[in-house]
Structure formats: C-alpha cells, structure tokens
Amino acid sequence: MKLRAAILGLLLSMWAAPAFSQGCAMCFSTAAAASKDGQRAISKGVLVLLVPPAGFMSLGVGLALYYGKKRDQENC
C-alpha cells in the first residue's frame, strides 16, 4: 500500500511539473532583481502561503481515511 501511495505521489508531482514554468515574466524579473535578502523573503513568503492549505488538505484526507476505516470495522 505504501508503494502505491509513493508511486501515486511521484506521478502527481511529475504531472504538475509543467505548471512550475507558468510563472509570469513580471514576477520573475522583479524577484530576480531583488537583493539576496529580498529573494530569501520571497521564498519564505511562498512557503508561508503554501503550508496552511497543504496542511489542511493532509489533515482532511487523513481524517477521512481514519473515519472510513473505523466505519468499515463497525460494519463487520
């Protein structure tokens, strides 16, 4: 089961790879022109904006799986 999940995660990340090249030119040029501290701040800002939605989705999927297994055990 863990192997299937790892393969699925790998396939999904490879499928989303083309989306990384879709950044706008203005954002890229502004980030490239920023100082090292500015670039570091942009990177931290991206992580701050990414972590909460990913955490909530992971929590939701985990709870759904947990309660699904619990429900299946009660029905047996």
Protein backbone atom coordinates (compact mmCIF):
# COMPACT_ATOMS: atom_id res chain seq x y z
CA MET A 1 0.00 0.00 0.00
CA LYS A 2 2.85 2.39 0.83
CA LEU A 3 4.47 1.64 -2.52
CA ARG A 4 1.26 2.52 -4.34
CA ALA A 5 0.96 5.78 -2.42
CA ALA A 6 4.59 6.63 -3.21
CA ILE A 7 4.09 5.90 -6.90
CA LEU A 8 0.88 7.96 -6.95
CA GLY A 9 2.65 10.87 -5.24
CA LEU A 10 5.53 10.68 -7.72
CA LEU A 11 3.17 10.61 -10.70
CA LEU A 12 1.17 13.57 -9.39
CA SER A 13 4.30 15.61 -8.80
CA MET A 14 5.57 14.82 -12.30
CA TRP A 15 2.17 15.71 -13.76
CA ALA A 16 2.26 19.12 -12.04
CA ALA A 17 5.84 19.90 -13.16
CA PRO A 18 4.79 21.89 -16.26
CA ALA A 19 2.83 24.26 -14.02
CA PHE A 20 6.06 25.46 -12.41
CA SER A 21 7.13 27.05 -15.67
CA GLN A 22 3.96 29.12 -15.93
CA GLY A 23 5.18 31.99 -13.71
CA CYS A 24 4.57 35.48 -15.05
CA ALA A 25 7.51 37.36 -16.53
CA MET A 26 6.94 40.45 -14.37
CA CYS A 27 7.07 38.43 -11.15
CA PHE A 28 10.19 36.60 -12.30
CA SER A 29 12.03 39.77 -13.30
CA THR A 30 11.07 41.52 -10.04
CA ALA A 31 12.25 38.56 -7.96
CA ALA A 32 15.48 38.26 -9.95
CA ALA A 33 16.23 41.97 -9.47
CA ALA A 34 15.70 41.79 -5.71
CA SER A 35 18.61 41.55 -3.31
CA LYS A 36 19.57 38.27 -1.65
CA ASP A 37 17.55 39.23 1.43
CA GLY A 38 14.58 40.07 -0.78
CA GLN A 39 14.81 36.74 -2.59
CA ARG A 40 15.00 34.94 0.74
CA ALA A 41 11.92 36.83 1.93
CA ILE A 42 10.02 35.89 -1.23
CA SER A 43 10.95 32.23 -0.74
CA LYS A 44 9.78 32.30 2.88
CA GLY A 45 6.57 34.05 1.82
CA VAL A 46 5.82 31.32 -0.70
CA LEU A 47 6.30 28.67 1.99
CA VAL A 48 4.08 30.58 4.42
CA LEU A 49 1.34 30.70 1.79
CA LEU A 50 1.80 27.03 0.82
CA VAL A 51 1.96 25.28 4.19
CA PRO A 52 -1.54 26.00 5.63
CA PRO A 53 -3.56 24.75 2.62
CA ALA A 54 -1.34 21.68 2.26
CA GLY A 55 -1.67 21.01 5.98
CA PHE A 56 -5.45 21.35 5.96
CA MET A 57 -5.76 19.07 2.95
CA SER A 58 -3.47 16.46 4.52
CA LEU A 59 -5.45 16.63 7.75
CA GLY A 60 -8.74 16.28 5.86
CA VAL A 61 -7.57 13.27 3.87
CA GLY A 62 -6.10 11.67 6.99
CA LEU A 63 -9.33 12.12 8.94
CA ALA A 64 -11.39 10.80 6.04
CA LEU A 65 -9.25 7.68 5.85
CA TYR A 66 -9.33 7.22 9.63
CA TYR A 67 -13.10 7.50 9.92
CA GLY A 68 -13.60 5.40 6.80
CA LYS A 69 -11.61 2.55 8.33
CA LYS A 70 -13.44 3.00 11.64
CA ARG A 71 -16.81 2.82 9.86
CA ASP A 72 -15.76 -0.28 7.92
CA GLN A 73 -14.71 -2.03 11.14
CA GLU A 74 -18.05 -1.24 12.77
CA ASN A 75 -19.96 -2.71 9.84
CA CYS A 76 -18.15 -6.07 10.03
